[in-house]
Amino acid sequence: MLPINLLVELGILSLVLMVTRFAALGRKLAVTTLVLLVLAAFSPLGNLLLYPLESRFPKWDPSRGAPDGIIVLGGSVDTDLSAAHRMPVVSHAADRMLAPAELARRYPNARIVFTGGTANLVSTEAREADYSAPILESLGIAKERLILERESRNTWENAIFTKQLVAPKPGERWLLVTSAFHMPRSMGIFRKAGFDVEAYPVDWRMGGRDELFAFTRNGADGLGRTDVAMREWIGLLTYRVMGRTGELLPGPGKD
């Protein structure tokens, strides 16, 4: 994770340098690493990085009418732990599982698609869709309503494979359910893939603008926010360079 792994590596490097002829450089690097760690853990840095992502898309407006389909991006279920314990293990972002259950009850005619395979570099038989389906069913979504896409390894493949699977027709309205901080990149990717979807953000990590310059008492929370935000900004930049999004920070308007 970033920046924790980077800071740990810098800390180790500083210790190594201290026992060499570059001891002075090692001490400077150690001080720099400590300062960065404190900033990431306790300063408003994480909030400042996270807020532009989470506030980019507003809450979905139900007054527009019922959607034809609901797409749920994976990222909640830990496939390795689920396989080890032979039962679904939700590690984070549980809202991604709860929101579609509520939407399914509200819109009984909408198709429900869960898209998520495995993000592991080494291919395994464990697929997130396989472990997520029982959770969604236990929350009241009938098995026959669920469409599972279980081969995707990242958000780009989520978009490509889901489009191929459901073959959306012109004029259909599809909701995209994912974490608020992940929504800008997700929307940009789906647009680039030619799949017109409407944002349904969930899983907020901040309460709002009032927290923008707030210091964090819990260092773990601060590091977590900074990690999530930095990783997402790096993802946005990478996907823009690769041509998988039409702009660096996609917004409510079309690309």
C-alpha atoms as a PDB file:
ATOM      1  CA  MET A   1       0.000   0.000   0.000  1.00  0.00           C
ATOM      2  CA  LEU A   2       0.999   3.568  -0.495  1.00  0.00           C
ATOM      3  CA  PRO A   3       2.423   5.421   1.337  1.00  0.00           C
ATOM      4  CA  ILE A   4       2.963   2.860   4.118  1.00  0.00           C
ATOM      5  CA  ASN A   5       5.088   0.461   2.063  1.00  0.00           C
ATOM      6  CA  LEU A   6       7.113   3.321   0.643  1.00  0.00           C
ATOM      7  CA  LEU A   7       7.725   4.793   4.089  1.00  0.00           C
ATOM      8  CA  VAL A   8       8.702   1.404   5.492  1.00  0.00           C
ATOM      9  CA  GLU A   9      11.135   0.873   2.634  1.00  0.00           C
ATOM     10  CA  LEU A  10      12.618   4.345   3.139  1.00  0.00           C
ATOM     11  CA  GLY A  11      12.972   3.631   6.859  1.00  0.00           C
ATOM     12  CA  ILE A  12      14.796   0.375   6.196  1.00  0.00           C
ATOM     13  CA  LEU A  13      17.030   2.071   3.660  1.00  0.00           C
ATOM     14  CA  SER A  14      17.897   4.797   6.169  1.00  0.00           C
ATOM     15  CA  LEU A  15      18.950   2.164   8.741  1.00  0.00           C
ATOM     16  CA  VAL A  16      21.120   0.416   6.179  1.00  0.00           C
ATOM     17  CA  LEU A  17      22.781   3.666   5.188  1.00  0.00           C
ATOM     18  CA  MET A  18      23.535   4.499   8.829  1.00  0.00           C
ATOM     19  CA  VAL A  19      25.971   1.583   9.087  1.00  0.00           C
ATOM     20  CA  THR A  20      27.824   2.592   5.947  1.00  0.00           C
ATOM     21  CA  ARG A  21      29.953   5.547   4.977  1.00  0.00           C
ATOM     22  CA  PHE A  22      26.663   7.246   4.019  1.00  0.00           C
ATOM     23  CA  ALA A  23      25.548   7.483   7.649  1.00  0.00           C
ATOM     24  CA  ALA A  24      24.840  11.212   7.395  1.00  0.00           C
ATOM     25  CA  LEU A  25      22.534  10.611   4.433  1.00  0.00           C
ATOM     26  CA  GLY A  26      20.874   7.795   6.365  1.00  0.00           C
ATOM     27  CA  ARG A  27      20.113  10.088   9.311  1.00  0.00           C
ATOM     28  CA  LYS A  28      18.627  12.716   7.004  1.00  0.00           C
ATOM     29  CA  LEU A  29      16.534  10.078   5.277  1.00  0.00           C
ATOM     30  CA  ALA A  30      15.312   8.741   8.642  1.00  0.00           C
ATOM     31  CA  VAL A  31      14.200  12.213   9.731  1.00  0.00           C
ATOM     32  CA  THR A  32      12.490  12.791   6.378  1.00  0.00           C
ATOM     33  CA  THR A  33      10.700   9.439   6.627  1.00  0.00           C
ATOM     34  CA  LEU A  34       9.485  10.212  10.140  1.00  0.00           C
ATOM     35  CA  VAL A  35       8.164  13.611   9.067  1.00  0.00           C
ATOM     36  CA  LEU A  36       6.338  12.065   6.105  1.00  0.00           C
ATOM     37  CA  LEU A  37       4.878   9.372   8.340  1.00  0.00           C
ATOM     38  CA  VAL A  38       3.547  11.958  10.793  1.00  0.00           C
ATOM     39  CA  LEU A  39       2.062  14.015   7.956  1.00  0.00           C
ATOM     40  CA  ALA A  40       0.373  10.987   6.412  1.00  0.00           C
ATOM     41  CA  ALA A  41      -0.956   9.738   9.744  1.00  0.00           C
ATOM     42  CA  PHE A  42      -2.082  12.881  11.553  1.00  0.00           C
ATOM     43  CA  SER A  43      -2.236  15.870   9.189  1.00  0.00           C
ATOM     44  CA  PRO A  44      -5.153  16.777   6.866  1.00  0.00           C
ATOM     45  CA  LEU A  45      -3.152  15.389   3.912  1.00  0.00           C
ATOM     46  CA  GLY A  46      -5.366  12.325   3.475  1.00  0.00           C
ATOM     47  CA  ASN A  47      -8.525  14.432   3.629  1.00  0.00           C
ATOM     48  CA  LEU A  48      -7.182  16.932   1.104  1.00  0.00           C
ATOM     49  CA  LEU A  49      -6.390  14.118  -1.319  1.00  0.00           C
ATOM     50  CA  LEU A  50      -9.603  12.198  -0.709  1.00  0.00           C
ATOM     51  CA  TYR A  51     -12.215  14.964  -0.781  1.00  0.00           C
ATOM     52  CA  PRO A  52     -11.877  15.866  -4.507  1.00  0.00           C
ATOM     53  CA  LEU A  53     -12.455  12.196  -5.330  1.00  0.00           C
ATOM     54  CA  GLU A  54     -15.419  11.582  -3.042  1.00  0.00           C
ATOM     55  CA  SER A  55     -17.182  14.842  -3.867  1.00  0.00           C
ATOM     56  CA  ARG A  56     -16.776  14.573  -7.641  1.00  0.00           C
ATOM     57  CA  PHE A  57     -20.100  12.803  -8.203  1.00  0.00           C
ATOM     58  CA  PRO A  58     -23.250  13.677  -6.228  1.00  0.00           C
ATOM     59  CA  LYS A  59     -25.628  11.133  -4.776  1.00  0.00           C
ATOM     60  CA  TRP A  60     -27.855   9.531  -7.384  1.00  0.00           C
ATOM     61  CA  ASP A  61     -31.203  11.246  -7.941  1.00  0.00           C
ATOM     62  CA  PRO A  62     -34.042   8.675  -7.799  1.00  0.00           C
ATOM     63  CA  SER A  63     -36.523  11.181  -9.242  1.00  0.00           C
ATOM     64  CA  ARG A  64     -35.222  10.326 -12.719  1.00  0.00           C
ATOM     65  CA  GLY A  65     -37.062   7.021 -12.560  1.00  0.00           C
ATOM     66  CA  ALA A  66     -36.275   3.348 -12.277  1.00  0.00           C
ATOM     67  CA  PRO A  67     -33.037   2.018 -13.785  1.00  0.00           C
ATOM     68  CA  ASP A  68     -32.934  -0.951 -16.125  1.00  0.00           C
ATOM     69  CA  GLY A  69     -29.888  -2.443 -14.465  1.00  0.00           C
ATOM     70  CA  ILE A  70     -27.514  -2.121 -11.542  1.00  0.00           C
ATOM     71  CA  ILE A  71     -23.793  -2.870 -11.830  1.00  0.00           C
ATOM     72  CA  VAL A  72     -21.875  -3.600  -8.638  1.00  0.00           C
ATOM     73  CA  LEU A  73     -18.081  -3.402  -8.768  1.00  0.00           C
ATOM     74  CA  GLY A  74     -16.118  -5.914  -6.716  1.00  0.00           C
ATOM     75  CA  GLY A  75     -13.612  -4.947  -4.078  1.00  0.00           C
ATOM     76  CA  SER A  76     -15.376  -5.873  -0.849  1.00  0.00           C
ATOM     77  CA  VAL A  77     -14.688  -9.585  -0.559  1.00  0.00           C
ATOM     78  CA  ASP A  78     -11.225 -10.990   0.170  1.00  0.00           C
ATOM     79  CA  THR A  79     -11.005 -13.974  -2.160  1.00  0.00           C
ATOM     80  CA  ASP A  80      -7.961 -15.530  -0.476  1.00  0.00           C
ATOM     81  CA  LEU A  81      -9.509 -15.437   3.001  1.00  0.00           C
ATOM     82  CA  SER A  82     -12.846 -16.589   1.604  1.00  0.00           C
ATOM     83  CA  ALA A  83     -11.199 -19.563  -0.056  1.00  0.00           C
ATOM     84  CA  ALA A  84      -9.208 -20.380   3.081  1.00  0.00           C
ATOM     85  CA  HIS A  85     -12.289 -20.345   5.319  1.00  0.00           C
ATOM     86  CA  ARG A  86     -14.680 -21.632   2.655  1.00  0.00           C
ATOM     87  CA  MET A  87     -17.120 -18.788   3.274  1.00  0.00           C
ATOM     88  CA  PRO A  88     -17.391 -15.150   2.138  1.00  0.00           C
ATOM     89  CA  VAL A  89     -15.145 -12.755   4.034  1.00  0.00           C
ATOM     90  CA  VAL A  90     -15.951  -9.059   3.579  1.00  0.00           C
ATOM     91  CA  SER A  91     -12.736  -7.178   4.347  1.00  0.00           C
ATOM     92  CA  HIS A  92     -13.884  -3.610   3.593  1.00  0.00           C
ATOM     93  CA  ALA A  93     -16.293  -1.457   1.565  1.00  0.00           C
ATOM     94  CA  ALA A  94     -19.326  -3.412   2.781  1.00  0.00           C
ATOM     95  CA  ASP A  95     -21.586  -0.647   1.421  1.00  0.00           C
ATOM     96  CA  ARG A  96     -20.902  -1.999  -2.062  1.00  0.00           C
ATOM     97  CA  MET A  97     -22.839  -5.106  -1.014  1.00  0.00           C
ATOM     98  CA  LEU A  98     -25.572  -3.413   1.012  1.00  0.00           C
ATOM     99  CA  ALA A  99     -26.540  -0.743  -1.537  1.00  0.00           C
ATOM    100  CA  PRO A 100     -27.514  -3.134  -4.369  1.00  0.00           C
ATOM    101  CA  ALA A 101     -29.726  -5.091  -1.983  1.00  0.00           C
ATOM    102  CA  GLU A 102     -31.705  -1.938  -1.205  1.00  0.00           C
ATOM    103  CA  LEU A 103     -31.803  -0.958  -4.877  1.00  0.00           C
ATOM    104  CA  ALA A 104     -32.995  -4.433  -5.839  1.00  0.00           C
ATOM    105  CA  ARG A 105     -35.926  -4.139  -3.419  1.00  0.00           C
ATOM    106  CA  ARG A 106     -36.776  -0.663  -4.661  1.00  0.00           C
ATOM    107  CA  TYR A 107     -36.558  -1.613  -8.354  1.00  0.00           C
ATOM    108  CA  PRO A 108     -37.739  -5.229  -8.709  1.00  0.00           C
ATOM    109  CA  ASN A 109     -37.454  -5.205 -12.513  1.00  0.00           C
ATOM    110  CA  ALA A 110     -33.828  -4.058 -12.656  1.00  0.00           C
ATOM    111  CA  ARG A 111     -31.144  -6.553 -13.581  1.00  0.00           C
ATOM    112  CA  ILE A 112     -28.366  -6.939 -10.987  1.00  0.00           C
ATOM    113  CA  VAL A 113     -24.810  -7.507 -12.213  1.00  0.00           C
ATOM    114  CA  PHE A 114     -21.857  -8.210  -9.948  1.00  0.00           C
ATOM    115  CA  THR A 115     -18.489  -7.872 -11.665  1.00  0.00           C
ATOM    116  CA  GLY A 116     -15.326  -9.123 -10.015  1.00  0.00           C
ATOM    117  CA  GLY A 117     -12.881 -11.952 -10.589  1.00  0.00           C
ATOM    118  CA  THR A 118      -9.494 -11.887  -8.905  1.00  0.00           C
ATOM    119  CA  ALA A 119      -6.856  -9.168  -8.625  1.00  0.00           C
ATOM    120  CA  ASN A 120      -4.124 -11.675  -7.760  1.00  0.00           C
ATOM    121  CA  LEU A 121      -1.108 -11.667 -10.073  1.00  0.00           C
ATOM    122  CA  VAL A 122      -1.014 -15.459  -9.800  1.00  0.00           C
ATOM    123  CA  SER A 123      -4.235 -16.903 -11.144  1.00  0.00           C
ATOM    124  CA  THR A 124      -6.347 -18.871  -8.667  1.00  0.00           C
ATOM    125  CA  GLU A 125      -9.728 -20.548  -8.809  1.00  0.00           C
ATOM    126  CA  ALA A 126     -11.132 -18.129  -6.228  1.00  0.00           C
ATOM    127  CA  ARG A 127     -13.385 -15.520  -7.824  1.00  0.00           C
ATOM    128  CA  GLU A 128     -14.945 -12.630  -5.942  1.00  0.00           C
ATOM    129  CA  ALA A 129     -18.244 -12.990  -7.801  1.00  0.00           C
ATOM    130  CA  ASP A 130     -18.612 -16.563  -6.531  1.00  0.00           C
ATOM    131  CA  TYR A 131     -18.297 -15.477  -2.899  1.00  0.00           C
ATOM    132  CA  SER A 132     -20.286 -12.267  -3.307  1.00  0.00           C
ATOM    133  CA  ALA A 133     -23.345 -13.971  -4.798  1.00  0.00           C
ATOM    134  CA  PRO A 134     -24.296 -15.772  -1.543  1.00  0.00           C
ATOM    135  CA  ILE A 135     -24.019 -12.476   0.355  1.00  0.00           C
ATOM    136  CA  LEU A 136     -26.308 -10.694  -2.074  1.00  0.00           C
ATOM    137  CA  GLU A 137     -28.755 -13.592  -1.996  1.00  0.00           C
ATOM    138  CA  SER A 138     -28.789 -13.540   1.821  1.00  0.00           C
ATOM    139  CA  LEU A 139     -29.651  -9.834   1.617  1.00  0.00           C
ATOM    140  CA  GLY A 140     -32.775 -10.657  -0.363  1.00  0.00           C
ATOM    141  CA  ILE A 141     -31.716 -10.627  -4.023  1.00  0.00           C
ATOM    142  CA  ALA A 142     -33.166 -13.649  -5.802  1.00  0.00           C
ATOM    143  CA  LYS A 143     -30.558 -15.906  -7.380  1.00  0.00           C
ATOM    144  CA  GLU A 144     -32.241 -15.733 -10.785  1.00  0.00           C
ATOM    145  CA  ARG A 145     -31.841 -11.937 -10.827  1.00  0.00           C
ATOM    146  CA  LEU A 146     -28.087 -12.063 -10.355  1.00  0.00           C
ATOM    147  CA  ILE A 147     -25.745 -11.894 -13.320  1.00  0.00           C
ATOM    148  CA  LEU A 148     -22.158 -12.725 -12.382  1.00  0.00           C
ATOM    149  CA  GLU A 149     -19.077 -11.549 -14.267  1.00  0.00           C
ATOM    150  CA  ARG A 150     -16.190 -13.504 -12.729  1.00  0.00           C
ATOM    151  CA  GLU A 151     -13.213 -13.055 -15.069  1.00  0.00           C
ATOM    152  CA  SER A 152     -12.246  -9.379 -14.622  1.00  0.00           C
ATOM    153  CA  ARG A 153      -9.033  -8.462 -12.780  1.00  0.00           C
ATOM    154  CA  ASN A 154      -9.361  -4.661 -12.696  1.00  0.00           C
ATOM    155  CA  THR A 155     -11.832  -1.853 -13.331  1.00  0.00           C
ATOM    156  CA  TRP A 156     -11.053  -1.696 -17.059  1.00  0.00           C
ATOM    157  CA  GLU A 157     -11.974  -5.366 -17.436  1.00  0.00           C
ATOM    158  CA  ASN A 158     -15.041  -4.789 -15.228  1.00  0.00           C
ATOM    159  CA  ALA A 159     -16.304  -2.365 -17.849  1.00  0.00           C
ATOM    160  CA  ILE A 160     -15.326  -4.368 -20.936  1.00  0.00           C
ATOM    161  CA  PHE A 161     -16.538  -7.754 -19.742  1.00  0.00           C
ATOM    162  CA  THR A 162     -19.762  -6.415 -18.219  1.00  0.00           C
ATOM    163  CA  LYS A 163     -20.657  -4.627 -21.434  1.00  0.00           C
ATOM    164  CA  GLN A 164     -20.104  -7.828 -23.387  1.00  0.00           C
ATOM    165  CA  LEU A 165     -22.149  -9.800 -20.877  1.00  0.00           C
ATOM    166  CA  VAL A 166     -25.257  -7.613 -20.668  1.00  0.00           C
ATOM    167  CA  ALA A 167     -25.173  -5.984 -24.131  1.00  0.00           C
ATOM    168  CA  PRO A 168     -26.899  -2.752 -23.030  1.00  0.00           C
ATOM    169  CA  LYS A 169     -29.452  -1.409 -25.475  1.00  0.00           C
ATOM    170  CA  PRO A 170     -29.703   2.256 -26.505  1.00  0.00           C
ATOM    171  CA  GLY A 171     -31.836   4.173 -24.047  1.00  0.00           C
ATOM    172  CA  GLU A 172     -31.332   1.767 -21.168  1.00  0.00           C
ATOM    173  CA  ARG A 173     -30.279   3.253 -17.848  1.00  0.00           C
ATOM    174  CA  TRP A 174     -27.665   1.447 -15.782  1.00  0.00           C
ATOM    175  CA  LEU A 175     -26.432   2.396 -12.325  1.00  0.00           C
ATOM    176  CA  LEU A 176     -22.801   1.898 -11.331  1.00  0.00           C
ATOM    177  CA  VAL A 177     -22.274   1.119  -7.638  1.00  0.00           C
ATOM    178  CA  THR A 178     -18.807   1.580  -6.189  1.00  0.00           C
ATOM    179  CA  SER A 179     -16.956   3.501  -3.477  1.00  0.00           C
ATOM    180  CA  ALA A 180     -17.211   7.279  -3.772  1.00  0.00           C
ATOM    181  CA  PHE A 181     -13.435   7.714  -4.018  1.00  0.00           C
ATOM    182  CA  HIS A 182     -13.304   5.146  -6.839  1.00  0.00           C
ATOM    183  CA  MET A 183     -16.215   6.615  -8.782  1.00  0.00           C
ATOM    184  CA  PRO A 184     -14.314   9.185 -10.938  1.00  0.00           C
ATOM    185  CA  ARG A 185     -11.968   6.550 -12.364  1.00  0.00           C
ATOM    186  CA  SER A 186     -14.763   4.008 -12.743  1.00  0.00           C
ATOM    187  CA  MET A 187     -17.030   6.408 -14.619  1.00  0.00           C
ATOM    188  CA  GLY A 188     -14.199   7.487 -16.902  1.00  0.00           C
ATOM    189  CA  ILE A 189     -13.392   3.863 -17.706  1.00  0.00           C
ATOM    190  CA  PHE A 190     -17.001   2.852 -18.417  1.00  0.00           C
ATOM    191  CA  ARG A 191     -17.429   5.899 -20.674  1.00  0.00           C
ATOM    192  CA  LYS A 192     -14.254   5.039 -22.550  1.00  0.00           C
ATOM    193  CA  ALA A 193     -15.549   1.491 -22.964  1.00  0.00           C
ATOM    194  CA  GLY A 194     -18.732   2.882 -24.527  1.00  0.00           C
ATOM    195  CA  PHE A 195     -21.007   1.866 -21.662  1.00  0.00           C
ATOM    196  CA  ASP A 196     -23.147   4.799 -20.506  1.00  0.00           C
ATOM    197  CA  VAL A 197     -23.786   4.424 -16.764  1.00  0.00           C
ATOM    198  CA  GLU A 198     -25.035   6.628 -13.942  1.00  0.00           C
ATOM    199  CA  ALA A 199     -22.969   7.057 -10.779  1.00  0.00           C
ATOM    200  CA  TYR A 200     -24.301   5.609  -7.530  1.00  0.00           C
ATOM    201  CA  PRO A 201     -21.502   6.346  -5.038  1.00  0.00           C
ATOM    202  CA  VAL A 202     -21.330   4.577  -1.667  1.00  0.00           C
ATOM    203  CA  ASP A 203     -18.724   3.826   1.016  1.00  0.00           C
ATOM    204  CA  TRP A 204     -17.678   7.392   1.850  1.00  0.00           C
ATOM    205  CA  ARG A 205     -14.555   7.790   3.999  1.00  0.00           C
ATOM    206  CA  MET A 206     -15.209  11.466   4.863  1.00  0.00           C
ATOM    207  CA  GLY A 207     -18.212  13.238   6.305  1.00  0.00           C
ATOM    208  CA  GLY A 208     -17.846  16.236   4.023  1.00  0.00           C
ATOM    209  CA  ARG A 209     -16.081  19.534   3.457  1.00  0.00           C
ATOM    210  CA  ASP A 210     -16.018  20.333   7.191  1.00  0.00           C
ATOM    211  CA  GLU A 211     -13.354  17.632   7.634  1.00  0.00           C
ATOM    212  CA  LEU A 212     -11.122  18.988   4.874  1.00  0.00           C
ATOM    213  CA  PHE A 213      -8.533  20.578   7.169  1.00  0.00           C
ATOM    214  CA  ALA A 214      -9.145  18.428  10.232  1.00  0.00           C
ATOM    215  CA  PHE A 215      -6.222  16.726  11.929  1.00  0.00           C
ATOM    216  CA  THR A 216      -6.569  13.032  12.698  1.00  0.00           C
ATOM    217  CA  ARG A 217      -6.220  11.691  16.234  1.00  0.00           C
ATOM    218  CA  ASN A 218      -6.055   8.082  15.126  1.00  0.00           C
ATOM    219  CA  GLY A 219      -2.882   7.633  13.088  1.00  0.00           C
ATOM    220  CA  ALA A 220      -4.129   4.399  11.535  1.00  0.00           C
ATOM    221  CA  ASP A 221      -7.195   6.188  10.147  1.00  0.00           C
ATOM    222  CA  GLY A 222      -5.027   8.954   8.737  1.00  0.00           C
ATOM    223  CA  LEU A 223      -2.672   6.501   7.077  1.00  0.00           C
ATOM    224  CA  GLY A 224      -5.639   4.586   5.695  1.00  0.00           C
ATOM    225  CA  ARG A 225      -7.160   7.676   4.084  1.00  0.00           C
ATOM    226  CA  THR A 226      -3.820   8.780   2.663  1.00  0.00           C
ATOM    227  CA  ASP A 227      -3.188   5.291   1.298  1.00  0.00           C
ATOM    228  CA  VAL A 228      -6.580   5.048  -0.384  1.00  0.00           C
ATOM    229  CA  ALA A 229      -6.370   8.544  -1.871  1.00  0.00           C
ATOM    230  CA  MET A 230      -2.807   8.243  -3.162  1.00  0.00           C
ATOM    231  CA  ARG A 231      -3.469   4.866  -4.714  1.00  0.00           C
ATOM    232  CA  GLU A 232      -6.551   6.229  -6.475  1.00  0.00           C
ATOM    233  CA  TRP A 233      -4.762   9.340  -7.777  1.00  0.00           C
ATOM    234  CA  ILE A 234      -1.965   7.127  -9.110  1.00  0.00           C
ATOM    235  CA  GLY A 235      -4.613   4.938 -10.738  1.00  0.00           C
ATOM    236  CA  LEU A 236      -6.256   7.967 -12.347  1.00  0.00           C
ATOM    237  CA  LEU A 237      -2.943   9.168 -13.748  1.00  0.00           C
ATOM    238  CA  THR A 238      -1.976   5.706 -14.979  1.00  0.00           C
ATOM    239  CA  TYR A 239      -5.311   5.059 -16.678  1.00  0.00           C
ATOM    240  CA  ARG A 240      -5.246   8.489 -18.311  1.00  0.00           C
ATOM    241  CA  VAL A 241      -1.748   7.845 -19.719  1.00  0.00           C
ATOM    242  CA  MET A 242      -2.885   4.424 -20.947  1.00  0.00           C
ATOM    243  CA  GLY A 243      -5.876   6.015 -22.696  1.00  0.00           C
ATOM    244  CA  ARG A 244      -8.424   4.153 -20.594  1.00  0.00           C
ATOM    245  CA  THR A 245     -10.098   7.368 -19.443  1.00  0.00           C
ATOM    246  CA  GLY A 246     -10.835  10.531 -21.382  1.00  0.00           C
ATOM    247  CA  GLU A 247      -9.617  12.960 -18.721  1.00  0.00           C
ATOM    248  CA  LEU A 248      -7.565  12.928 -15.530  1.00  0.00           C
ATOM    249  CA  LEU A 249     -10.500  13.445 -13.172  1.00  0.00           C
ATOM    250  CA  PRO A 250     -13.775  12.474 -14.851  1.00  0.00           C
ATOM    251  CA  GLY A 251     -16.809  14.328 -13.583  1.00  0.00           C
ATOM    252  CA  PRO A 252     -20.605  14.297 -13.940  1.00  0.00           C
ATOM    253  CA  GLY A 253     -20.418  15.672 -17.511  1.00  0.00           C
ATOM    254  CA  LYS A 254     -19.573  13.491 -20.476  1.00  0.00           C
ATOM    255  CA  ASP A 255     -15.917  12.989 -21.480  1.00  0.00           C
END
